[in-house]
Every structure is written in C-alpha cells, then in structure tokens.
Amino acid sequence: MPEIPVMIITAPWTDEQVRHLNEQQNDGRFHPYTCGGSRMDEAHMAYAKQNGGDHGQLVATKDGWICPVCGYRQKTFMARAI
C-alpha cells in the first residue's frame, strides 16, 4: 500500500480548518493536540476535569492552537494529502 504524504499546515487557518480541527480534537478518534507546557500540573488537570478532553488539550483558532489554561501556542498541524 502506498504511503500517503503528510503536509504541515501553518497558521493563519481558515474558518473551515478551525472548525474541523476543533471537531477532531473532541471526536475521540485521534489523540488531541496538547499543550507543550506543564500539561499535567494541577491547573491543566482541573480544567480538563471541568471541561472534558485531555489534560492540556489545545483549542484551534485562526492564529493557531492555544492552550486555554496557560496560553501555550502552536502554529502548525499535520494533514494527510489525499
């Protein structure tokens, strides 16, 4: 079976990409993008307990990923070219 190439998509992202990424973060089929900071600290764990999702689960915005707890940012996501 041929390997499908992976593309790195850098922010800014479209409204459609943001919607799709946030849906994917919560659908449970993939491990979500998570905070590169101290995602296992008390604040991140409390947020996840109250709001659901993984500890340090990032939220997609037009400007990239952001951690709602500590403000960590990431500007890329990986997409399969099909």
Protein backbone atom coordinates (compact mmCIF):
# COMPACT_ATOMS: atom_id res chain seq x y z
CA MET A 1 0.00 0.00 0.00
CA PRO A 2 1.50 3.38 -0.96
CA GLU A 3 2.34 5.83 1.80
CA ILE A 4 0.19 8.97 1.91
CA PRO A 5 2.31 12.14 2.20
CA VAL A 6 1.88 14.39 5.23
CA MET A 7 1.63 18.17 4.86
CA ILE A 8 2.45 20.66 7.61
CA ILE A 9 -0.17 23.43 7.62
CA THR A 10 0.91 26.70 9.26
CA ALA A 11 -1.46 29.34 10.70
CA PRO A 12 -3.29 31.51 9.87
CA TRP A 13 -6.04 28.96 9.28
CA THR A 14 -9.40 29.30 7.58
CA ASP A 15 -12.70 29.20 9.46
CA GLU A 16 -13.31 25.77 7.93
CA GLN A 17 -9.93 24.45 9.13
CA VAL A 18 -10.56 25.81 12.64
CA ARG A 19 -14.00 24.18 12.78
CA HIS A 20 -12.67 20.85 11.53
CA LEU A 21 -9.68 20.86 13.90
CA ASN A 22 -11.84 21.60 16.95
CA GLU A 23 -14.28 18.86 15.96
CA GLN A 24 -11.36 16.45 15.54
CA GLN A 25 -9.98 17.44 18.95
CA ASN A 26 -13.18 16.19 20.56
CA ASP A 27 -14.21 13.20 18.44
CA GLY A 28 -12.02 10.64 20.23
CA ARG A 29 -10.66 9.00 17.07
CA PHE A 30 -7.24 10.66 17.36
CA HIS A 31 -5.03 11.75 20.21
CA PRO A 32 -5.66 15.50 20.50
CA TYR A 33 -3.02 18.16 20.06
CA THR A 34 -1.90 19.04 23.59
CA CYS A 35 -0.03 21.75 25.46
CA GLY A 36 3.76 21.77 25.26
CA GLY A 37 3.89 23.30 28.74
CA SER A 38 3.23 21.59 32.06
CA ARG A 39 0.02 19.90 30.94
CA MET A 40 -0.03 17.51 33.89
CA ASP A 41 0.01 20.29 36.50
CA GLU A 42 -2.91 21.00 38.81
CA ALA A 43 -4.39 23.82 36.68
CA HIS A 44 -4.43 21.76 33.46
CA MET A 45 -5.88 18.73 35.21
CA ALA A 46 -8.61 20.83 36.89
CA TYR A 47 -9.55 22.42 33.55
CA ALA A 48 -9.81 19.00 31.87
CA LYS A 49 -11.93 17.67 34.73
CA GLN A 50 -14.31 20.62 34.49
CA ASN A 51 -14.45 20.93 30.68
CA GLY A 52 -13.67 17.44 29.42
CA GLY A 53 -10.98 16.46 26.98
CA ASP A 54 -7.37 15.58 27.59
CA HIS A 55 -5.09 17.42 30.03
CA GLY A 56 -3.74 20.43 28.14
CA GLN A 57 -5.97 19.88 25.11
CA LEU A 58 -5.40 22.75 22.68
CA VAL A 59 -8.11 24.83 21.01
CA ALA A 60 -7.78 25.78 17.34
CA THR A 61 -8.09 29.47 16.39
CA LYS A 62 -7.36 31.33 13.15
CA ASP A 63 -3.93 32.16 14.62
CA GLY A 64 -3.11 28.55 15.54
CA TRP A 65 -3.51 26.31 18.58
CA ILE A 66 -3.79 27.82 22.05
CA CYS A 67 -3.91 26.27 25.50
CA PRO A 68 -6.87 27.76 27.40
CA VAL A 69 -5.04 27.25 30.70
CA CYS A 70 -1.55 28.69 30.22
CA GLY A 71 -1.64 30.36 26.80
CA TYR A 72 0.88 27.99 25.16
CA ARG A 73 0.72 28.43 21.37
CA GLN A 74 1.48 26.22 18.40
CA LYS A 75 1.22 27.37 14.77
CA THR A 76 1.10 24.07 12.84
CA PHE A 77 -0.92 20.91 12.30
CA MET A 78 -0.27 17.85 10.16
CA ALA A 79 -2.66 16.86 7.39
CA ARG A 80 -2.67 13.87 5.07
CA ALA A 81 -2.63 14.75 1.40
CA ILE A 82 -5.29 12.61 -0.24
